[in-house]
PDB file of N, CA and C in Angstrom:
ATOM      1  N   MET A   1       5.393  -8.605 -20.537  1.00  0.00           N
ATOM      2  CA  MET A   1       6.012  -8.711 -19.789  1.00  0.00           C
ATOM      3  C   MET A   1       5.886  -9.957 -18.893  1.00  0.00           C
ATOM      4  N   ASN A   2       7.009 -11.093 -19.272  1.00  0.00           N
ATOM      5  CA  ASN A   2       6.635 -12.417 -18.449  1.00  0.00           C
ATOM      6  C   ASN A   2       6.327 -12.764 -17.078  1.00  0.00           C
ATOM      7  N   LYS A   3       6.017 -13.698 -16.465  1.00  0.00           N
ATOM      8  CA  LYS A   3       5.009 -14.040 -15.386  1.00  0.00           C
ATOM      9  C   LYS A   3       6.295 -13.997 -14.272  1.00  0.00           C
ATOM     10  N   THR A   4       7.460 -14.231 -14.172  1.00  0.00           N
ATOM     11  CA  THR A   4       8.054 -14.617 -13.205  1.00  0.00           C
ATOM     12  C   THR A   4       8.707 -12.597 -13.481  1.00  0.00           C
ATOM     13  N   MET A   5       9.357 -12.234 -13.582  1.00  0.00           N
ATOM     14  CA  MET A   5       9.215 -10.782 -14.311  1.00  0.00           C
ATOM     15  C   MET A   5       8.090 -10.402 -12.621  1.00  0.00           C
ATOM     16  N   GLN A   6       6.854 -10.302 -13.396  1.00  0.00           N
ATOM     17  CA  GLN A   6       5.826  -9.721 -13.125  1.00  0.00           C
ATOM     18  C   GLN A   6       5.576 -10.499 -11.235  1.00  0.00           C
ATOM     19  N   TRP A   7       6.034 -11.107 -10.677  1.00  0.00           N
ATOM     20  CA  TRP A   7       5.804 -11.888  -9.299  1.00  0.00           C
ATOM     21  C   TRP A   7       7.290 -11.436  -9.191  1.00  0.00           C
ATOM     22  N   ILE A   8       8.290 -11.106  -9.490  1.00  0.00           N
ATOM     23  CA  ILE A   8       9.361 -10.606  -8.952  1.00  0.00           C
ATOM     24  C   ILE A   8       9.465  -8.797  -8.877  1.00  0.00           C
ATOM     25  N   ILE A   9       8.570  -8.282  -9.484  1.00  0.00           N
ATOM     26  CA  ILE A   9       8.366  -6.865  -9.125  1.00  0.00           C
ATOM     27  C   ILE A   9       7.366  -6.470  -8.009  1.00  0.00           C
ATOM     28  N   TRP A  10       6.553  -7.618  -7.986  1.00  0.00           N
ATOM     29  CA  TRP A  10       5.706  -7.791  -7.348  1.00  0.00           C
ATOM     30  C   TRP A  10       6.084  -7.712  -5.807  1.00  0.00           C
ATOM     31  N   ILE A  11       6.857  -8.640  -5.206  1.00  0.00           N
ATOM     32  CA  ILE A  11       7.821  -9.090  -4.456  1.00  0.00           C
ATOM     33  C   ILE A  11       8.105  -7.800  -3.872  1.00  0.00           C
ATOM     34  N   LEU A  12       9.022  -6.645  -5.087  1.00  0.00           N
ATOM     35  CA  LEU A  12       9.891  -6.081  -4.293  1.00  0.00           C
ATOM     36  C   LEU A  12       8.715  -5.001  -4.165  1.00  0.00           C
ATOM     37  N   THR A  13       7.473  -4.590  -4.258  1.00  0.00           N
ATOM     38  CA  THR A  13       6.717  -3.780  -4.583  1.00  0.00           C
ATOM     39  C   THR A  13       6.078  -4.239  -2.668  1.00  0.00           C
ATOM     40  N   MET A  14       5.749  -5.552  -2.352  1.00  0.00           N
ATOM     41  CA  MET A  14       5.224  -5.622  -1.046  1.00  0.00           C
ATOM     42  C   MET A  14       6.134  -5.065  -0.092  1.00  0.00           C
ATOM     43  N   ILE A  15       7.446  -4.962  -0.187  1.00  0.00           N
ATOM     44  CA  ILE A  15       8.903  -4.679   0.728  1.00  0.00           C
ATOM     45  C   ILE A  15       9.081  -3.067   0.954  1.00  0.00           C
ATOM     46  N   VAL A  16       8.697  -2.202  -0.325  1.00  0.00           N
ATOM     47  CA  VAL A  16       8.478  -1.063  -0.577  1.00  0.00           C
ATOM     48  C   VAL A  16       7.578  -0.688   0.064  1.00  0.00           C
ATOM     49  N   ILE A  17       6.800  -1.424   0.340  1.00  0.00           N
ATOM     50  CA  ILE A  17       4.979  -0.368   0.173  1.00  0.00           C
ATOM     51  C   ILE A  17       5.154  -0.936   1.942  1.00  0.00           C
ATOM     52  N   ASN A  18       5.364  -1.663   2.010  1.00  0.00           N
ATOM     53  CA  ASN A  18       5.072  -2.755   4.057  1.00  0.00           C
ATOM     54  C   ASN A  18       6.300  -2.429   4.515  1.00  0.00           C
ATOM     55  N   LEU A  19       7.412  -2.014   4.508  1.00  0.00           N
ATOM     56  CA  LEU A  19       8.546  -1.063   5.276  1.00  0.00           C
ATOM     57  C   LEU A  19       8.411   0.066   5.113  1.00  0.00           C
ATOM     58  N   SER A  20       7.606   0.951   4.077  1.00  0.00           N
ATOM     59  CA  SER A  20       6.903   2.393   4.549  1.00  0.00           C
ATOM     60  C   SER A  20       5.862   2.006   6.023  1.00  0.00           C
ATOM     61  N   ALA A  21       4.835   1.324   5.478  1.00  0.00           N
ATOM     62  CA  ALA A  21       3.827   1.188   6.371  1.00  0.00           C
ATOM     63  C   ALA A  21       4.200   0.954   7.873  1.00  0.00           C
ATOM     64  N   PHE A  22       5.034  -0.574   7.578  1.00  0.00           N
ATOM     65  CA  PHE A  22       5.285  -1.071   9.248  1.00  0.00           C
ATOM     66  C   PHE A  22       5.729   0.140  10.101  1.00  0.00           C
ATOM     67  N   LEU A  23       6.632   0.520   9.835  1.00  0.00           N
ATOM     68  CA  LEU A  23       7.783   2.379   9.908  1.00  0.00           C
ATOM     69  C   LEU A  23       6.102   3.059  10.452  1.00  0.00           C
ATOM     70  N   ILE A  24       5.284   3.643   9.838  1.00  0.00           N
ATOM     71  CA  ILE A  24       4.493   4.359  10.436  1.00  0.00           C
ATOM     72  C   ILE A  24       3.673   3.491  11.402  1.00  0.00           C
ATOM     73  N   ALA A  25       3.093   2.405  10.961  1.00  0.00           N
ATOM     74  CA  ALA A  25       2.030   2.050  11.696  1.00  0.00           C
ATOM     75  C   ALA A  25       2.597   2.050  12.917  1.00  0.00           C
ATOM     76  N   SER A  26       4.049   1.602  13.342  1.00  0.00           N
ATOM     77  CA  SER A  26       5.169   1.217  14.528  1.00  0.00           C
ATOM     78  C   SER A  26       5.427   2.851  15.650  1.00  0.00           C
ATOM     79  N   PHE A  27       5.451   4.166  14.739  1.00  0.00           N
ATOM     80  CA  PHE A  27       4.956   5.138  14.997  1.00  0.00           C
ATOM     81  C   PHE A  27       4.220   5.197  15.647  1.00  0.00           C
ATOM     82  N   SER A  28       2.977   5.230  15.194  1.00  0.00           N
ATOM     83  CA  SER A  28       1.359   5.155  15.410  1.00  0.00           C
ATOM     84  C   SER A  28       0.786   4.643  17.413  1.00  0.00           C
ATOM     85  N   LEU A  29       2.138   3.569  17.525  1.00  0.00           N
ATOM     86  CA  LEU A  29       1.363   2.926  18.654  1.00  0.00           C
ATOM     87  C   LEU A  29       2.139   3.560  19.477  1.00  0.00           C
ATOM     88  N   PHE A  30       3.766   4.121  19.517  1.00  0.00           N
ATOM     89  CA  PHE A  30       4.765   5.129  20.522  1.00  0.00           C
ATOM     90  C   PHE A  30       3.900   5.811  21.820  1.00  0.00           C
ATOM     91  N   GLY A  31       2.678   6.006  21.618  1.00  0.00           N
ATOM     92  CA  GLY A  31       2.161   6.454  22.928  1.00  0.00           C
ATOM     93  C   GLY A  31       1.034   5.697  23.592  1.00  0.00           C
ATOM     94  N   THR A  32       0.839   4.398  23.025  1.00  0.00           N
ATOM     95  CA  THR A  32       0.269   3.400  23.887  1.00  0.00           C
ATOM     96  C   THR A  32       0.422   3.213  24.897  1.00  0.00           C
ATOM     97  N   GLN A  33       0.112   3.040  26.248  1.00  0.00           N
ATOM     98  CA  GLN A  33      -0.246   2.873  27.390  1.00  0.00           C
ATOM     99  C   GLN A  33       0.448   1.107  27.302  1.00  0.00           C
ATOM    100  N   GLU A  34       1.311   0.974  28.642  1.00  0.00           N
ATOM    101  CA  GLU A  34       2.290  -0.461  29.027  1.00  0.00           C
ATOM    102  C   GLU A  34       0.611  -1.315  28.679  1.00  0.00           C
ATOM    103  N   GLY A  35       0.378  -2.632  29.009  1.00  0.00           N
ATOM    104  CA  GLY A  35      -0.776  -3.685  29.355  1.00  0.00           C
ATOM    105  C   GLY A  35      -1.770  -3.049  28.432  1.00  0.00           C
ATOM    106  N   THR A  36      -1.515  -2.236  27.221  1.00  0.00           N
ATOM    107  CA  THR A  36      -3.097  -2.276  26.750  1.00  0.00           C
ATOM    108  C   THR A  36      -3.813  -3.147  26.018  1.00  0.00           C
ATOM    109  N   SER A  37      -4.974  -4.132  25.664  1.00  0.00           N
ATOM    110  CA  SER A  37      -5.299  -4.285  25.117  1.00  0.00           C
ATOM    111  C   SER A  37      -5.001  -4.753  23.419  1.00  0.00           C
ATOM    112  N   ILE A  38      -5.182  -6.095  22.807  1.00  0.00           N
ATOM    113  CA  ILE A  38      -4.246  -5.197  21.223  1.00  0.00           C
ATOM    114  C   ILE A  38      -5.854  -5.342  20.917  1.00  0.00           C
ATOM    115  N   PHE A  39      -7.036  -5.071  21.240  1.00  0.00           N
ATOM    116  CA  PHE A  39      -7.975  -5.230  20.487  1.00  0.00           C
ATOM    117  C   PHE A  39      -8.375  -3.876  20.753  1.00  0.00           C
ATOM    118  N   SER A  40      -7.455  -2.498  21.012  1.00  0.00           N
ATOM    119  CA  SER A  40      -7.886  -1.165  21.296  1.00  0.00           C
ATOM    120  C   SER A  40      -7.805  -0.223  20.127  1.00  0.00           C
ATOM    121  N   LEU A  41      -8.084   0.889  20.524  1.00  0.00           N
ATOM    122  CA  LEU A  41      -8.029   2.073  18.876  1.00  0.00           C
ATOM    123  C   LEU A  41      -6.380   2.130  18.518  1.00  0.00           C
ATOM    124  N   ASP A  42      -5.299   1.711  19.782  1.00  0.00           N
ATOM    125  CA  ASP A  42      -4.605   2.504  18.613  1.00  0.00           C
ATOM    126  C   ASP A  42      -3.960   0.745  17.844  1.00  0.00           C
ATOM    127  N   TYR A  43      -4.066  -0.234  18.770  1.00  0.00           N
ATOM    128  CA  TYR A  43      -3.465  -1.155  17.656  1.00  0.00           C
ATOM    129  C   TYR A  43      -4.262  -1.498  16.255  1.00  0.00           C
ATOM    130  N   ALA A  44      -5.768  -0.887  16.119  1.00  0.00           N
ATOM    131  CA  ALA A  44      -6.576  -0.626  15.758  1.00  0.00           C
ATOM    132  C   ALA A  44      -5.673  -0.025  14.031  1.00  0.00           C
ATOM    133  N   ILE A  45      -5.643   1.428  14.866  1.00  0.00           N
ATOM    134  CA  ILE A  45      -5.292   2.634  13.794  1.00  0.00           C
ATOM    135  C   ILE A  45      -4.026   1.823  12.673  1.00  0.00           C
ATOM    136  N   ALA A  46      -2.872   1.273  13.233  1.00  0.00           N
ATOM    137  CA  ALA A  46      -1.627   0.302  12.981  1.00  0.00           C
ATOM    138  C   ALA A  46      -2.113  -0.457  12.186  1.00  0.00           C
ATOM    139  N   PHE A  47      -2.950  -1.693  12.980  1.00  0.00           N
ATOM    140  CA  PHE A  47      -3.288  -2.643  12.120  1.00  0.00           C
ATOM    141  C   PHE A  47      -4.321  -2.274  10.342  1.00  0.00           C
ATOM    142  N   GLY A  48      -5.194  -0.391  10.153  1.00  0.00           N
ATOM    143  CA  GLY A  48      -5.475  -0.689   9.774  1.00  0.00           C
ATOM    144  C   GLY A  48      -4.691   0.921   8.119  1.00  0.00           C
ATOM    145  N   ILE A  49      -3.728   0.958   8.942  1.00  0.00           N
ATOM    146  CA  ILE A  49      -2.454   1.731   8.132  1.00  0.00           C
ATOM    147  C   ILE A  49      -1.938   0.963   7.398  1.00  0.00           C
ATOM    148  N   ILE A  50      -0.971  -0.402   7.594  1.00  0.00           N
ATOM    149  CA  ILE A  50      -1.103  -1.800   6.799  1.00  0.00           C
ATOM    150  C   ILE A  50      -1.677  -2.286   5.436  1.00  0.00           C
ATOM    151  N   VAL A  51      -2.968  -2.494   6.248  1.00  0.00           N
ATOM    152  CA  VAL A  51      -4.007  -2.890   5.248  1.00  0.00           C
ATOM    153  C   VAL A  51      -4.441  -1.708   4.213  1.00  0.00           C
ATOM    154  N   VAL A  52      -4.345  -0.773   5.065  1.00  0.00           N
ATOM    155  CA  VAL A  52      -4.784   0.244   3.603  1.00  0.00           C
ATOM    156  C   VAL A  52      -3.352   0.404   2.417  1.00  0.00           C
ATOM    157  N   ALA A  53      -2.402   0.283   3.240  1.00  0.00           N
ATOM    158  CA  ALA A  53      -1.526   0.521   1.995  1.00  0.00           C
ATOM    159  C   ALA A  53      -1.488  -1.185   0.974  1.00  0.00           C
ATOM    160  N   ASN A  54      -1.413  -1.211   1.925  1.00  0.00           N
ATOM    161  CA  ASN A  54      -1.553  -2.727   0.561  1.00  0.00           C
ATOM    162  C   ASN A  54      -2.649  -3.636   0.163  1.00  0.00           C
ATOM    163  N   ILE A  55      -3.553  -2.201  -0.329  1.00  0.00           N
ATOM    164  CA  ILE A  55      -4.908  -2.460  -1.496  1.00  0.00           C
ATOM    165  C   ILE A  55      -3.540  -2.245  -2.982  1.00  0.00           C
ATOM    166  N   ILE A  56      -3.450  -1.530  -2.941  1.00  0.00           N
ATOM    167  CA  ILE A  56      -2.250  -1.766  -4.698  1.00  0.00           C
ATOM    168  C   ILE A  56      -1.780  -3.149  -4.537  1.00  0.00           C
ATOM    169  N   THR A  57      -1.160  -4.019  -3.321  1.00  0.00           N
ATOM    170  CA  THR A  57      -0.455  -5.471  -4.129  1.00  0.00           C
ATOM    171  C   THR A  57      -2.052  -6.082  -3.658  1.00  0.00           C
ATOM    172  N   THR A  58      -2.785  -6.138  -3.253  1.00  0.00           N
ATOM    173  CA  THR A  58      -3.709  -6.771  -3.322  1.00  0.00           C
ATOM    174  C   THR A  58      -4.207  -7.020  -4.980  1.00  0.00           C
ATOM    175  N   GLN A  59      -3.886  -5.226  -5.480  1.00  0.00           N
ATOM    176  CA  GLN A  59      -4.737  -5.185  -6.953  1.00  0.00           C
ATOM    177  C   GLN A  59      -3.235  -5.578  -8.079  1.00  0.00           C
ATOM    178  N   LEU A  60      -2.162  -5.867  -7.844  1.00  0.00           N
ATOM    179  CA  LEU A  60      -1.012  -6.455  -8.983  1.00  0.00           C
ATOM    180  C   LEU A  60      -1.217  -7.414  -8.079  1.00  0.00           C
ATOM    181  N   TYR A  61      -1.415  -8.276  -6.863  1.00  0.00           N
ATOM    182  CA  TYR A  61      -1.962  -9.827  -7.108  1.00  0.00           C
ATOM    183  C   TYR A  61      -2.818 -10.741  -8.330  1.00  0.00           C
ATOM    184  N   LEU A  62      -3.406  -9.770  -8.261  1.00  0.00           N
ATOM    185  CA  LEU A  62      -5.193 -10.038  -8.883  1.00  0.00           C
ATOM    186  C   LEU A  62      -4.690  -9.599 -10.536  1.00  0.00           C
ATOM    187  N   ALA A  63      -4.198  -8.752 -10.773  1.00  0.00           N
ATOM    188  CA  ALA A  63      -3.860  -8.423 -12.272  1.00  0.00           C
ATOM    189  C   ALA A  63      -2.707  -9.847 -12.967  1.00  0.00           C
ATOM    190  N   ILE A  64      -1.595 -10.036 -11.474  1.00  0.00           N
ATOM    191  CA  ILE A  64      -0.877 -10.400 -12.762  1.00  0.00           C
ATOM    192  C   ILE A  64      -2.052 -12.374 -12.224  1.00  0.00           C
ATOM    193  N   ARG A  65      -2.524 -13.092 -11.539  1.00  0.00           N
ATOM    194  CA  ARG A  65      -3.541 -14.029 -11.355  1.00  0.00           C
ATOM    195  C   ARG A  65      -4.621 -14.158 -12.602  1.00  0.00           C
ATOM    196  N   LYS A  66      -4.731 -12.770 -13.185  1.00  0.00           N
ATOM    197  CA  LYS A  66      -5.405 -12.929 -14.173  1.00  0.00           C
ATOM    198  C   LYS A  66      -4.748 -12.548 -15.590  1.00  0.00           C
ATOM    199  N   GLY A  67      -4.227 -12.313 -15.735  1.00  0.00           N
ATOM    200  CA  GLY A  67      -2.600 -11.574 -16.613  1.00  0.00           C
ATOM    201  C   GLY A  67      -3.543 -10.420 -17.320  1.00  0.00           C
ATOM    202  N   ASP A  68      -3.582  -9.622 -17.005  1.00  0.00           N
ATOM    203  CA  ASP A  68      -4.003  -8.356 -17.228  1.00  0.00           C
ATOM    204  C   ASP A  68      -3.136  -7.564 -16.789  1.00  0.00           C
ATOM    205  N   GLN A  69      -2.312  -7.222 -18.161  1.00  0.00           N
ATOM    206  CA  GLN A  69      -1.172  -6.549 -18.512  1.00  0.00           C
ATOM    207  C   GLN A  69      -1.654  -4.922 -18.402  1.00  0.00           C
ATOM    208  N   LYS A  70      -2.217  -4.720 -18.944  1.00  0.00           N
ATOM    209  CA  LYS A  70      -2.758  -3.106 -18.350  1.00  0.00           C
ATOM    210  C   LYS A  70      -2.841  -3.048 -16.897  1.00  0.00           C
ATOM    211  N   GLY A  71      -3.506  -3.258 -16.162  1.00  0.00           N
ATOM    212  CA  GLY A  71      -4.350  -3.387 -15.107  1.00  0.00           C
ATOM    213  C   GLY A  71      -2.712  -3.542 -14.135  1.00  0.00           C
ATOM    214  N   PHE A  72      -1.903  -4.603 -14.545  1.00  0.00           N
ATOM    215  CA  PHE A  72      -0.276  -4.448 -14.025  1.00  0.00           C
ATOM    216  C   PHE A  72       0.230  -2.988 -13.637  1.00  0.00           C
ATOM    217  N   VAL A  73       0.157  -2.608 -15.225  1.00  0.00           N
ATOM    218  CA  VAL A  73       0.975  -1.317 -15.303  1.00  0.00           C
ATOM    219  C   VAL A  73       0.394  -0.328 -14.835  1.00  0.00           C
ATOM    220  N   TYR A  74      -0.856  -0.004 -14.829  1.00  0.00           N
ATOM    221  CA  TYR A  74      -1.524   1.080 -14.440  1.00  0.00           C
ATOM    222  C   TYR A  74      -0.993   0.603 -12.447  1.00  0.00           C
ATOM    223  N   GLY A  75      -1.837  -0.374 -11.716  1.00  0.00           N
ATOM    224  CA  GLY A  75      -0.793  -0.537 -10.676  1.00  0.00           C
ATOM    225  C   GLY A  75       0.154  -0.719 -10.503  1.00  0.00           C
ATOM    226  N   LEU A  76       1.942  -0.689 -10.630  1.00  0.00           N
ATOM    227  CA  LEU A  76       3.037  -0.083 -10.939  1.00  0.00           C
ATOM    228  C   LEU A  76       2.696   1.130 -10.878  1.00  0.00           C
ATOM    229  N   PHE A  77       2.283   2.124 -12.044  1.00  0.00           N
ATOM    230  CA  PHE A  77       2.042   3.434 -11.394  1.00  0.00           C
ATOM    231  C   PHE A  77       1.938   4.192 -10.086  1.00  0.00           C
ATOM    232  N   VAL A  78       1.118   3.262  -9.178  1.00  0.00           N
ATOM    233  CA  VAL A  78       0.213   3.946  -8.172  1.00  0.00           C
ATOM    234  C   VAL A  78       1.136   3.659  -7.727  1.00  0.00           C
ATOM    235  N   VAL A  79       1.811   2.175  -7.817  1.00  0.00           N
ATOM    236  CA  VAL A  79       2.801   1.850  -6.601  1.00  0.00           C
ATOM    237  C   VAL A  79       3.948   2.583  -6.534  1.00  0.00           C
ATOM    238  N   LEU A  80       4.277   3.566  -7.638  1.00  0.00           N
ATOM    239  CA  LEU A  80       5.879   4.608  -8.029  1.00  0.00           C
ATOM    240  C   LEU A  80       4.623   5.578  -6.941  1.00  0.00           C
ATOM    241  N   ILE A  81       3.703   6.849  -6.989  1.00  0.00           N
ATOM    242  CA  ILE A  81       3.454   7.171  -6.552  1.00  0.00           C
ATOM    243  C   ILE A  81       3.415   6.923  -4.888  1.00  0.00           C
ATOM    244  N   GLN A  82       2.486   6.159  -4.437  1.00  0.00           N
ATOM    245  CA  GLN A  82       2.715   5.467  -3.087  1.00  0.00           C
ATOM    246  C   GLN A  82       4.090   5.670  -2.461  1.00  0.00           C
ATOM    247  N   ALA A  83       4.443   4.658  -2.949  1.00  0.00           N
ATOM    248  CA  ALA A  83       6.214   4.756  -2.515  1.00  0.00           C
ATOM    249  C   ALA A  83       7.017   5.600  -2.120  1.00  0.00           C
ATOM    250  N   ILE A  84       6.422   6.470  -3.105  1.00  0.00           N
ATOM    251  CA  ILE A  84       6.750   8.010  -3.287  1.00  0.00           C
ATOM    252  C   ILE A  84       6.974   8.837  -1.524  1.00  0.00           C
ATOM    253  N   SER A  85       5.245   8.824  -2.112  1.00  0.00           N
ATOM    254  CA  SER A  85       4.571   9.746  -0.952  1.00  0.00           C
ATOM    255  C   SER A  85       5.218   9.001   0.516  1.00  0.00           C
ATOM    256  N   LEU A  86       5.488   7.710   0.657  1.00  0.00           N
ATOM    257  CA  LEU A  86       5.178   7.137   2.009  1.00  0.00           C
ATOM    258  C   LEU A  86       7.102   7.670   2.638  1.00  0.00           C
ATOM    259  N   PHE A  87       7.551   7.531   1.150  1.00  0.00           N
ATOM    260  CA  PHE A  87       9.267   7.358   1.686  1.00  0.00           C
ATOM    261  C   PHE A  87       9.250   9.094   2.099  1.00  0.00           C
ATOM    262  N   MET A  88       8.474   9.533   1.404  1.00  0.00           N
ATOM    263  CA  MET A  88       8.488  11.389   1.925  1.00  0.00           C
ATOM    264  C   MET A  88       7.750  12.105   3.320  1.00  0.00           C
ATOM    265  N   LEU A  89       6.891  11.033   3.634  1.00  0.00           N
ATOM    266  CA  LEU A  89       6.378  11.062   5.059  1.00  0.00           C
ATOM    267  C   LEU A  89       6.513  11.192   5.905  1.00  0.00           C
ATOM    268  N   THR A  90       7.934   9.718   5.352  1.00  0.00           N
ATOM    269  CA  THR A  90       8.939   9.544   6.762  1.00  0.00           C
ATOM    270  C   THR A  90      10.355  10.346   7.069  1.00  0.00           C
ATOM    271  N   ASN A  91      10.305  10.732   5.725  1.00  0.00           N
ATOM    272  CA  ASN A  91      11.428  12.711   5.800  1.00  0.00           C
ATOM    273  C   ASN A  91      10.674  13.638   6.257  1.00  0.00           C
ATOM    274  N   THR A  92       9.487  13.635   6.372  1.00  0.00           N
ATOM    275  CA  THR A  92       8.593  14.888   7.181  1.00  0.00           C
ATOM    276  C   THR A  92       8.305  16.162   5.899  1.00  0.00           C
ATOM    277  N   ILE A  93       8.515  15.778   5.014  1.00  0.00           N
ATOM    278  CA  ILE A  93       6.979  16.444   3.640  1.00  0.00           C
ATOM    279  C   ILE A  93       6.112  15.776   3.948  1.00  0.00           C
ATOM    280  N   ILE A  94       5.731  16.494   5.090  1.00  0.00           N
ATOM    281  CA  ILE A  94       4.154  15.810   5.223  1.00  0.00           C
ATOM    282  C   ILE A  94       2.895  16.768   4.159  1.00  0.00           C
ATOM    283  N   LYS A  95       2.926  17.918   4.115  1.00  0.00           N
ATOM    284  CA  LYS A  95       1.761  18.434   3.120  1.00  0.00           C
ATOM    285  C   LYS A  95       1.257  17.563   1.812  1.00  0.00           C
ATOM    286  N   LEU A  96       2.866  18.189   1.142  1.00  0.00           N
ATOM    287  CA  LEU A  96       2.862  16.839  -0.215  1.00  0.00           C
ATOM    288  C   LEU A  96       2.231  15.266  -0.011  1.00  0.00           C
ATOM    289  N   SER A  97       3.257  15.381   0.787  1.00  0.00           N
ATOM    290  CA  SER A  97       3.229  12.992   0.894  1.00  0.00           C
ATOM    291  C   SER A  97       1.305  12.888   1.466  1.00  0.00           C
ATOM    292  N   PHE A  98       1.068  13.953   1.884  1.00  0.00           N
ATOM    293  CA  PHE A  98      -0.856  13.341   2.406  1.00  0.00           C
ATOM    294  C   PHE A  98      -1.880  13.493   1.050  1.00  0.00           C
ATOM    295  N   ILE A  99      -1.341  14.801   0.160  1.00  0.00           N
ATOM    296  CA  ILE A  99      -1.931  14.808  -0.803  1.00  0.00           C
ATOM    297  C   ILE A  99      -1.471  13.385  -2.076  1.00  0.00           C
ATOM    298  N   LEU A 100      -0.484  13.007  -2.110  1.00  0.00           N
ATOM    299  CA  LEU A 100       0.483  12.058  -2.748  1.00  0.00           C
ATOM    300  C   LEU A 100      -0.248  10.908  -1.484  1.00  0.00           C
ATOM    301  N   ILE A 101      -0.419  10.472  -0.693  1.00  0.00           N
ATOM    302  CA  ILE A 101      -0.897   8.969  -0.450  1.00  0.00           C
ATOM    303  C   ILE A 101      -2.083   9.151  -0.600  1.00  0.00           C
ATOM    304  N   SER A 102      -3.640  10.294  -0.556  1.00  0.00           N
ATOM    305  CA  SER A 102      -4.747  10.057  -0.762  1.00  0.00           C
ATOM    306  C   SER A 102      -4.900   9.612  -2.553  1.00  0.00           C
ATOM    307  N   ILE A 103      -4.090  10.742  -3.044  1.00  0.00           N
ATOM    308  CA  ILE A 103      -4.852  10.367  -4.306  1.00  0.00           C
ATOM    309  C   ILE A 103      -4.130   8.602  -4.823  1.00  0.00           C
ATOM    310  N   SER A 104      -2.359   8.036  -4.092  1.00  0.00           N
ATOM    311  CA  SER A 104      -2.562   6.484  -4.437  1.00  0.00           C
ATOM    312  C   SER A 104      -3.434   5.808  -4.021  1.00  0.00           C
ATOM    313  N   ILE A 105      -3.873   6.269  -2.395  1.00  0.00           N
ATOM    314  CA  ILE A 105      -5.068   4.857  -2.300  1.00  0.00           C
ATOM    315  C   ILE A 105      -6.553   5.327  -2.888  1.00  0.00           C
ATOM    316  N   LEU A 106      -6.830   6.583  -3.173  1.00  0.00           N
ATOM    317  CA  LEU A 106      -8.083   6.908  -4.149  1.00  0.00           C
ATOM    318  C   LEU A 106      -8.453   5.668  -5.497  1.00  0.00           C
ATOM    319  N   ALA A 107      -6.579   5.570  -6.426  1.00  0.00           N
ATOM    320  CA  ALA A 107      -6.396   5.724  -7.422  1.00  0.00           C
ATOM    321  C   ALA A 107      -6.474   3.584  -7.395  1.00  0.00           C
ATOM    322  N   ALA A 108      -5.840   3.325  -6.036  1.00  0.00           N
ATOM    323  CA  ALA A 108      -5.435   1.607  -5.525  1.00  0.00           C
ATOM    324  C   ALA A 108      -6.819   0.697  -5.398  1.00  0.00           C
ATOM    325  N   MET A 109      -8.010   1.804  -4.663  1.00  0.00           N
ATOM    326  CA  MET A 109      -9.040   1.319  -4.691  1.00  0.00           C
ATOM    327  C   MET A 109     -10.581   1.658  -5.723  1.00  0.00           C
ATOM    328  N   VAL A 110     -10.125   2.249  -6.674  1.00  0.00           N
ATOM    329  CA  VAL A 110     -10.239   1.693  -8.020  1.00  0.00           C
ATOM    330  C   VAL A 110     -10.234   0.911  -9.060  1.00  0.00           C
ATOM    331  N   LEU A 111      -8.620   1.161  -9.074  1.00  0.00           N
ATOM    332  CA  LEU A 111      -8.029   0.319  -9.653  1.00  0.00           C
ATOM    333  C   LEU A 111      -8.589  -1.508  -9.633  1.00  0.00           C
ATOM    334  N   LEU A 112      -8.438  -1.625  -7.736  1.00  0.00           N
ATOM    335  CA  LEU A 112      -8.737  -2.747  -7.546  1.00  0.00           C
ATOM    336  C   LEU A 112     -10.194  -3.180  -7.457  1.00  0.00           C
ATOM    337  N   PHE A 113     -10.872  -2.398  -7.636  1.00  0.00           N
ATOM    338  CA  PHE A 113     -12.565  -2.472  -7.848  1.00  0.00           C
ATOM    339  C   PHE A 113     -12.379  -2.862  -9.375  1.00  0.00           C
ATOM    340  N   PHE A 114     -12.103  -2.517 -10.329  1.00  0.00           N
ATOM    341  CA  PHE A 114     -12.290  -2.762 -11.788  1.00  0.00           C
ATOM    342  C   PHE A 114     -11.017  -3.623 -11.786  1.00  0.00           C
ATOM    343  N   GLN A 115     -10.092  -4.260 -11.039  1.00  0.00           N
ATOM    344  CA  GLN A 115      -9.856  -5.842 -11.482  1.00  0.00           C
ATOM    345  C   GLN A 115     -10.679  -6.566 -11.260  1.00  0.00           C
ATOM    346  N   CYS A 116     -11.155  -6.602  -9.808  1.00  0.00           N
ATOM    347  CA  CYS A 116     -12.455  -7.336  -9.043  1.00  0.00           C
ATOM    348  C   CYS A 116     -13.548  -7.559 -10.198  1.00  0.00           C
ATOM    349  N   LYS A 117     -13.865  -6.185 -11.188  1.00  0.00           N
ATOM    350  CA  LYS A 117     -15.167  -6.258 -11.556  1.00  0.00           C
ATOM    351  C   LYS A 117     -14.862  -7.171 -13.817  1.00  0.00           C
ATOM    352  N   LYS A 118     -13.034  -6.979 -13.366  1.00  0.00           N
ATOM    353  CA  LYS A 118     -13.241  -8.006 -14.673  1.00  0.00           C
ATOM    354  C   LYS A 118     -12.604  -9.183 -14.048  1.00  0.00           C
ATOM    355  N   GLN A 119     -13.521 -10.539 -15.051  1.00  0.00           N
ATOM    356  CA  GLN A 119     -13.518 -11.481 -14.350  1.00  0.00           C
ATOM    357  C   GLN A 119     -13.224 -12.548 -15.807  1.00  0.00           C
TER     358      GLN A 119
END
């Protein structure tokens, strides 16, 4: 797979993951009182949702930069699981989506660790 195609896939994964992550993060802010400081726990949770969802996009970015084809393909599998689980979460299939989100986040962290370890 050439670099141009990898960058296009990376941009598409950024869009797919962040659409769901921003939707879930904004939903977590519905109970926030007006005039609440931006440094409150509610905003920290929303920011954390977006950061955790983007762990895999960071791994894909590093895999493209280092030319790690195998790591990129593994990352795409994790993106697929994460995108499906985030979509299921927005469509109220709660139990299965939490299990899949947990698996995809753990897999993304492991892949990011191994990608950073490779130098």
